[in-house]
Amino acid sequence: MTDRFLTREQVAEELATSKAQVYALIRRGDLRAMKIGGRGVWRVSRQDLEDYIARTYDETERWIVGHPFTDDGTDAED
């Protein structure tokens, strides 16, 4: 059974990034999370992480469509 809630460390591991980057995603509102208890321990639900990943894939696909790859190795917008 998968954990319902993940720590910042677990999210960072799944996204292959740092805890600081996960915190930045949370603070910008890109990744939904909750702060628990007096010490402010952050938790991200498994579903919120999956939703973030799906949104990021969608945003990346839209970016790729808007920035076609050229044969000379540069993006059309460069």
Protein backbone atom coordinates (compact mmCIF):
# COMPACT_ATOMS: atom_id res chain seq x y z
CA MET A 1 0.00 0.00 0.00
CA THR A 2 1.30 3.45 -0.89
CA ASP A 3 1.43 6.20 1.69
CA ARG A 4 -1.43 8.67 1.51
CA PHE A 5 0.79 11.56 2.60
CA LEU A 6 4.39 12.17 1.64
CA THR A 7 7.12 14.20 3.29
CA ARG A 8 9.07 16.84 1.36
CA GLU A 9 11.94 14.36 1.29
CA GLN A 10 9.77 11.68 -0.32
CA VAL A 11 8.38 14.14 -2.88
CA ALA A 12 11.91 15.33 -3.69
CA GLU A 13 13.02 11.74 -4.23
CA GLU A 14 10.08 10.96 -6.51
CA LEU A 15 10.67 14.12 -8.57
CA ALA A 16 14.46 13.65 -8.52
CA THR A 17 14.94 17.14 -7.13
CA SER A 18 15.85 18.80 -3.83
CA LYS A 19 13.78 19.44 -0.71
CA ALA A 20 14.37 23.15 -1.32
CA GLN A 21 12.82 22.89 -4.79
CA VAL A 22 9.81 21.04 -3.36
CA TYR A 23 9.41 23.79 -0.75
CA ALA A 24 9.55 26.41 -3.53
CA LEU A 25 6.86 24.52 -5.48
CA ILE A 26 4.67 24.48 -2.37
CA ARG A 27 5.24 28.16 -1.52
CA ARG A 28 4.48 29.27 -5.10
CA GLY A 29 1.26 27.27 -5.00
CA ASP A 30 2.37 24.95 -7.81
CA LEU A 31 2.18 21.88 -5.56
CA ARG A 32 -0.69 21.62 -3.10
CA ALA A 33 0.39 20.72 0.44
CA MET A 34 -0.65 21.10 4.04
CA LYS A 35 1.22 22.24 7.10
CA ILE A 36 0.60 20.06 10.15
CA GLY A 37 1.13 20.85 13.81
CA GLY A 38 2.96 23.56 15.71
CA ARG A 39 6.30 22.80 14.10
CA GLY A 40 4.79 23.18 10.64
CA VAL A 41 5.58 19.81 9.14
CA TRP A 42 4.70 19.80 5.43
CA ARG A 43 2.81 16.90 3.85
CA VAL A 44 1.74 16.35 0.25
CA SER A 45 -0.98 13.87 -0.58
CA ARG A 46 -0.16 11.19 -3.12
CA GLN A 47 -3.06 12.44 -5.29
CA ASP A 48 -1.82 16.05 -5.19
CA LEU A 49 1.62 14.90 -6.31
CA GLU A 50 0.12 12.87 -9.16
CA ASP A 51 -2.04 15.85 -10.17
CA TYR A 52 1.04 18.11 -10.18
CA ILE A 53 2.95 15.64 -12.37
CA ALA A 54 0.05 15.39 -14.83
CA ARG A 55 -0.29 19.22 -15.00
CA THR A 56 3.44 19.58 -15.55
CA TYR A 57 3.36 17.07 -18.42
CA ASP A 58 0.45 19.01 -19.97
CA GLU A 59 2.25 22.35 -19.58
CA THR A 60 5.42 20.89 -21.09
CA GLU A 61 3.52 19.50 -24.06
CA ARG A 62 1.93 22.93 -24.69
CA TRP A 63 5.34 24.59 -24.43
CA ILE A 64 6.84 22.13 -26.93
CA VAL A 65 4.04 22.82 -29.42
CA GLY A 66 4.67 26.56 -29.08
CA HIS A 67 8.45 26.21 -29.37
CA PRO A 68 9.18 23.91 -32.32
CA PHE A 69 12.54 22.21 -32.51
CA THR A 70 14.72 23.21 -35.46
CA ASP A 71 17.31 21.10 -37.30
CA ASP A 72 20.16 23.41 -36.27
CA GLY A 73 19.83 22.36 -32.61
CA THR A 74 18.20 25.57 -31.39
CA ASP A 75 14.65 26.36 -30.45
CA ALA A 76 12.72 28.52 -32.90
CA GLU A 77 12.38 31.25 -30.24
CA ASP A 78 16.13 31.55 -29.51
